[in-house]
Amino acid sequence: MVHLHFDGRSPSYSMVLGPAPWFRISGNFIRQGPDGTVVAIYRHHQWELQGRHFTRWDCKQPGVIHFEDVDGGRTELFGPFQTFHAADGVLYADDELFAKFMEESQLWHCYPTENFWPSMVFEAAAAASASDPRSSAEVR
C-alpha cells in the first residue's frame, strides 16, 4: 500500500491520502485505488484536498511508476524509487527529474523515454512486482 503526504504550513494543516494500492494522476485529478475515487484536484498550481491547498505532495516509501494511454496500454515499470514527490507539476523520483505535467496538452512528459502520456500511476514496489507479470529484475 502507498500513501501521499501533503504537508501544510503546520502539522495540523497537513493531510495524508491512503493507504491505497495505487494512485493515478490523469489531467488535473489524483484518483485513489482501488475504486478510482477523485481525491485531489490541481488548480492554479496547487493541489486541493477537502478545501485545503498544497503546492507539493510526497510519497515517502518505495514505489514504482508507469504511464498509461487512453486505451489502457501501459509502459514498463520504472523504479523502484525510494521516494518521489511532485511540486508545481513536476515529478521527482529519488530527487531526479522524472516527469512534467504539460497543462496545455494535459499530458505527462516522461523524461526517461521522451514520450507523452495522459496518465501516470504509482504504487508500492512490492505490490507491483506481485501483480505485474512484466516486472522483473529489469524494472527501469
C-alpha atoms as a PDB file:
ATOM      1  CA  MET A   1       0.000   0.000   0.000  1.00  0.00           C
ATOM      2  CA  VAL A   2       1.082   3.548  -0.681  1.00  0.00           C
ATOM      3  CA  HIS A   3       0.434   6.942   0.986  1.00  0.00           C
ATOM      4  CA  LEU A   4       0.649  10.519  -0.298  1.00  0.00           C
ATOM      5  CA  HIS A   5       1.716  13.199   2.176  1.00  0.00           C
ATOM      6  CA  PHE A   6       0.552  16.775   1.673  1.00  0.00           C
ATOM      7  CA  ASP A   7       2.467  18.915   4.157  1.00  0.00           C
ATOM      8  CA  GLY A   8       0.939  22.242   5.046  1.00  0.00           C
ATOM      9  CA  ARG A   9       2.055  25.339   6.853  1.00  0.00           C
ATOM     10  CA  SER A  10       1.653  23.482  10.152  1.00  0.00           C
ATOM     11  CA  PRO A  11       1.268  19.822  11.157  1.00  0.00           C
ATOM     12  CA  SER A  12      -2.433  20.358  11.862  1.00  0.00           C
ATOM     13  CA  TYR A  13      -2.937  21.595   8.280  1.00  0.00           C
ATOM     14  CA  SER A  14      -1.173  18.577   6.698  1.00  0.00           C
ATOM     15  CA  MET A  15      -3.054  15.626   5.170  1.00  0.00           C
ATOM     16  CA  VAL A  16      -2.234  12.042   4.183  1.00  0.00           C
ATOM     17  CA  LEU A  17      -4.054  10.075   1.474  1.00  0.00           C
ATOM     18  CA  GLY A  18      -4.082   6.292   1.666  1.00  0.00           C
ATOM     19  CA  PRO A  19      -3.266   3.614   2.298  1.00  0.00           C
ATOM     20  CA  ALA A  20      -4.153   2.712  -1.277  1.00  0.00           C
ATOM     21  CA  PRO A  21      -2.974   0.073  -3.740  1.00  0.00           C
ATOM     22  CA  TRP A  22      -2.291   2.833  -6.291  1.00  0.00           C
ATOM     23  CA  PHE A  23      -2.760   6.476  -7.204  1.00  0.00           C
ATOM     24  CA  ARG A  24      -3.393   7.615 -10.796  1.00  0.00           C
ATOM     25  CA  ILE A  25      -2.854  11.183 -11.955  1.00  0.00           C
ATOM     26  CA  SER A  26      -4.845  11.950 -15.104  1.00  0.00           C
ATOM     27  CA  GLY A  27      -5.313  15.513 -16.185  1.00  0.00           C
ATOM     28  CA  ASN A  28      -5.848  17.656 -13.114  1.00  0.00           C
ATOM     29  CA  PHE A  29      -7.044  14.793 -10.911  1.00  0.00           C
ATOM     30  CA  ILE A  30      -5.486  12.339  -8.483  1.00  0.00           C
ATOM     31  CA  ARG A  31      -7.552   9.152  -8.261  1.00  0.00           C
ATOM     32  CA  GLN A  32      -7.101   6.655  -5.448  1.00  0.00           C
ATOM     33  CA  GLY A  33      -7.344   2.896  -5.917  1.00  0.00           C
ATOM     34  CA  PRO A  34      -8.921   0.507  -5.726  1.00  0.00           C
ATOM     35  CA  ASP A  35     -12.090   2.279  -6.959  1.00  0.00           C
ATOM     36  CA  GLY A  36     -10.623   5.338  -8.714  1.00  0.00           C
ATOM     37  CA  THR A  37     -12.222   7.968  -6.484  1.00  0.00           C
ATOM     38  CA  VAL A  38     -11.015  11.528  -7.189  1.00  0.00           C
ATOM     39  CA  VAL A  39      -9.192  12.626  -4.023  1.00  0.00           C
ATOM     40  CA  ALA A  40      -7.384  15.790  -5.196  1.00  0.00           C
ATOM     41  CA  ILE A  41      -7.705  18.414  -7.937  1.00  0.00           C
ATOM     42  CA  TYR A  42      -4.854  20.513  -9.380  1.00  0.00           C
ATOM     43  CA  ARG A  43      -5.877  24.184  -9.810  1.00  0.00           C
ATOM     44  CA  HIS A  44      -3.810  27.347 -10.018  1.00  0.00           C
ATOM     45  CA  HIS A  45      -0.552  25.437  -9.399  1.00  0.00           C
ATOM     46  CA  GLN A  46      -1.893  23.888  -6.180  1.00  0.00           C
ATOM     47  CA  TRP A  47      -3.450  20.589  -5.146  1.00  0.00           C
ATOM     48  CA  GLU A  48      -6.843  20.991  -3.489  1.00  0.00           C
ATOM     49  CA  LEU A  49      -7.971  18.376  -0.958  1.00  0.00           C
ATOM     50  CA  GLN A  50     -11.066  18.836   1.168  1.00  0.00           C
ATOM     51  CA  GLY A  51     -10.888  22.623   0.849  1.00  0.00           C
ATOM     52  CA  ARG A  52      -7.173  22.826   1.706  1.00  0.00           C
ATOM     53  CA  HIS A  53      -4.434  23.813  -0.753  1.00  0.00           C
ATOM     54  CA  PHE A  54      -0.944  22.376  -1.132  1.00  0.00           C
ATOM     55  CA  THR A  55       1.909  23.108  -3.524  1.00  0.00           C
ATOM     56  CA  ARG A  56       3.572  19.719  -3.138  1.00  0.00           C
ATOM     57  CA  TRP A  57       2.976  16.080  -2.274  1.00  0.00           C
ATOM     58  CA  ASP A  58       5.452  13.379  -1.237  1.00  0.00           C
ATOM     59  CA  CYS A  59       5.468   9.599  -1.306  1.00  0.00           C
ATOM     60  CA  LYS A  60       7.917   8.627   1.430  1.00  0.00           C
ATOM     61  CA  GLN A  61       8.051   4.904   0.732  1.00  0.00           C
ATOM     62  CA  PRO A  62       9.488   2.778  -2.083  1.00  0.00           C
ATOM     63  CA  GLY A  63       7.343   2.682  -5.183  1.00  0.00           C
ATOM     64  CA  VAL A  64       7.214   2.179  -8.924  1.00  0.00           C
ATOM     65  CA  ILE A  65       5.716   4.303 -11.684  1.00  0.00           C
ATOM     66  CA  HIS A  66       4.198   3.543 -15.053  1.00  0.00           C
ATOM     67  CA  PHE A  67       2.299   5.569 -17.639  1.00  0.00           C
ATOM     68  CA  GLU A  68      -0.950   4.687 -19.428  1.00  0.00           C
ATOM     69  CA  ASP A  69      -2.561   5.739 -22.696  1.00  0.00           C
ATOM     70  CA  VAL A  70      -6.281   6.366 -23.241  1.00  0.00           C
ATOM     71  CA  ASP A  71      -6.863   2.737 -24.285  1.00  0.00           C
ATOM     72  CA  GLY A  72      -5.309   1.319 -21.097  1.00  0.00           C
ATOM     73  CA  GLY A  73      -1.983   0.410 -22.689  1.00  0.00           C
ATOM     74  CA  ARG A  74       0.879   0.865 -20.288  1.00  0.00           C
ATOM     75  CA  THR A  75       4.605   1.365 -20.226  1.00  0.00           C
ATOM     76  CA  GLU A  76       7.154  -0.752 -18.444  1.00  0.00           C
ATOM     77  CA  LEU A  77       7.587  -0.140 -14.739  1.00  0.00           C
ATOM     78  CA  PHE A  78      10.094   2.496 -13.670  1.00  0.00           C
ATOM     79  CA  GLY A  79      11.798   2.096 -10.314  1.00  0.00           C
ATOM     80  CA  PRO A  80      11.696   1.095  -7.638  1.00  0.00           C
ATOM     81  CA  PHE A  81      12.332   4.558  -6.260  1.00  0.00           C
ATOM     82  CA  GLN A  82      12.902   5.121  -2.559  1.00  0.00           C
ATOM     83  CA  THR A  83      10.829   8.323  -2.573  1.00  0.00           C
ATOM     84  CA  PHE A  84       9.136  10.609  -5.042  1.00  0.00           C
ATOM     85  CA  HIS A  85       7.452  13.986  -4.859  1.00  0.00           C
ATOM     86  CA  ALA A  86       5.681  16.477  -7.088  1.00  0.00           C
ATOM     87  CA  ALA A  87       5.814  20.249  -6.968  1.00  0.00           C
ATOM     88  CA  ASP A  88       4.255  22.645  -9.481  1.00  0.00           C
ATOM     89  CA  GLY A  89       3.513  19.869 -11.974  1.00  0.00           C
ATOM     90  CA  VAL A  90       6.998  18.337 -11.909  1.00  0.00           C
ATOM     91  CA  LEU A  91       7.627  14.828 -10.561  1.00  0.00           C
ATOM     92  CA  TYR A  92      10.968  13.936  -8.990  1.00  0.00           C
ATOM     93  CA  ALA A  93      11.920  10.310  -8.331  1.00  0.00           C
ATOM     94  CA  ASP A  94      14.786   9.871  -5.857  1.00  0.00           C
ATOM     95  CA  ASP A  95      15.361  13.627  -6.256  1.00  0.00           C
ATOM     96  CA  GLU A  96      15.915  13.312 -10.030  1.00  0.00           C
ATOM     97  CA  LEU A  97      13.674  14.983 -12.617  1.00  0.00           C
ATOM     98  CA  PHE A  98      11.381  12.235 -13.913  1.00  0.00           C
ATOM     99  CA  ALA A  99       8.215  13.718 -15.482  1.00  0.00           C
ATOM    100  CA  LYS A 100       6.402  17.003 -16.022  1.00  0.00           C
ATOM    101  CA  PHE A 101       2.702  17.663 -16.444  1.00  0.00           C
ATOM    102  CA  MET A 102       2.094  19.807 -19.519  1.00  0.00           C
ATOM    103  CA  GLU A 103      -1.070  21.769 -18.693  1.00  0.00           C
ATOM    104  CA  GLU A 104      -1.673  22.890 -22.289  1.00  0.00           C
ATOM    105  CA  SER A 105      -1.941  19.319 -23.577  1.00  0.00           C
ATOM    106  CA  GLN A 106      -2.981  17.623 -20.295  1.00  0.00           C
ATOM    107  CA  LEU A 107      -0.197  15.068 -20.854  1.00  0.00           C
ATOM    108  CA  TRP A 108       2.735  13.828 -18.760  1.00  0.00           C
ATOM    109  CA  HIS A 109       6.135  14.190 -20.375  1.00  0.00           C
ATOM    110  CA  CYS A 110       8.173  11.145 -19.290  1.00  0.00           C
ATOM    111  CA  TYR A 111      11.816  12.226 -19.415  1.00  0.00           C
ATOM    112  CA  PRO A 112      13.429   8.732 -19.498  1.00  0.00           C
ATOM    113  CA  THR A 113      11.528   7.820 -22.693  1.00  0.00           C
ATOM    114  CA  GLU A 114      10.791  11.329 -24.075  1.00  0.00           C
ATOM    115  CA  ASN A 115       7.151  10.263 -24.624  1.00  0.00           C
ATOM    116  CA  PHE A 116       3.885  11.899 -23.585  1.00  0.00           C
ATOM    117  CA  TRP A 117       1.119  10.092 -21.681  1.00  0.00           C
ATOM    118  CA  PRO A 118      -2.326  11.081 -20.345  1.00  0.00           C
ATOM    119  CA  SER A 119      -1.968   9.134 -17.077  1.00  0.00           C
ATOM    120  CA  MET A 120       0.744   8.367 -14.563  1.00  0.00           C
ATOM    121  CA  VAL A 121       0.255   5.605 -11.973  1.00  0.00           C
ATOM    122  CA  PHE A 122       2.346   4.869  -8.924  1.00  0.00           C
ATOM    123  CA  GLU A 123       2.100   2.040  -6.450  1.00  0.00           C
ATOM    124  CA  ALA A 124       4.136   0.271  -3.790  1.00  0.00           C
ATOM    125  CA  ALA A 125       7.113  -1.588  -5.242  1.00  0.00           C
ATOM    126  CA  ALA A 126       6.249  -4.919  -3.601  1.00  0.00           C
ATOM    127  CA  ALA A 127       2.633  -4.856  -4.793  1.00  0.00           C
ATOM    128  CA  ALA A 128       3.642  -4.006  -8.357  1.00  0.00           C
ATOM    129  CA  SER A 129       6.119  -6.883  -8.535  1.00  0.00           C
ATOM    130  CA  ALA A 130       3.492  -9.350  -7.373  1.00  0.00           C
ATOM    131  CA  SER A 131       0.715  -8.148  -9.701  1.00  0.00           C
ATOM    132  CA  ASP A 132       2.545  -7.310 -12.943  1.00  0.00           C
ATOM    133  CA  PRO A 133       3.968 -10.183 -14.981  1.00  0.00           C
ATOM    134  CA  ARG A 134       6.214  -7.688 -16.800  1.00  0.00           C
ATOM    135  CA  SER A 135       8.061  -6.810 -13.602  1.00  0.00           C
ATOM    136  CA  SER A 136      11.393  -8.441 -13.071  1.00  0.00           C
ATOM    137  CA  ALA A 137      14.910  -7.581 -12.085  1.00  0.00           C
ATOM    138  CA  GLU A 138      14.912  -5.293 -15.119  1.00  0.00           C
ATOM    139  CA  VAL A 139      12.387  -2.800 -13.800  1.00  0.00           C
ATOM    140  CA  ARG A 140      13.620   0.592 -15.027  1.00  0.00           C
END
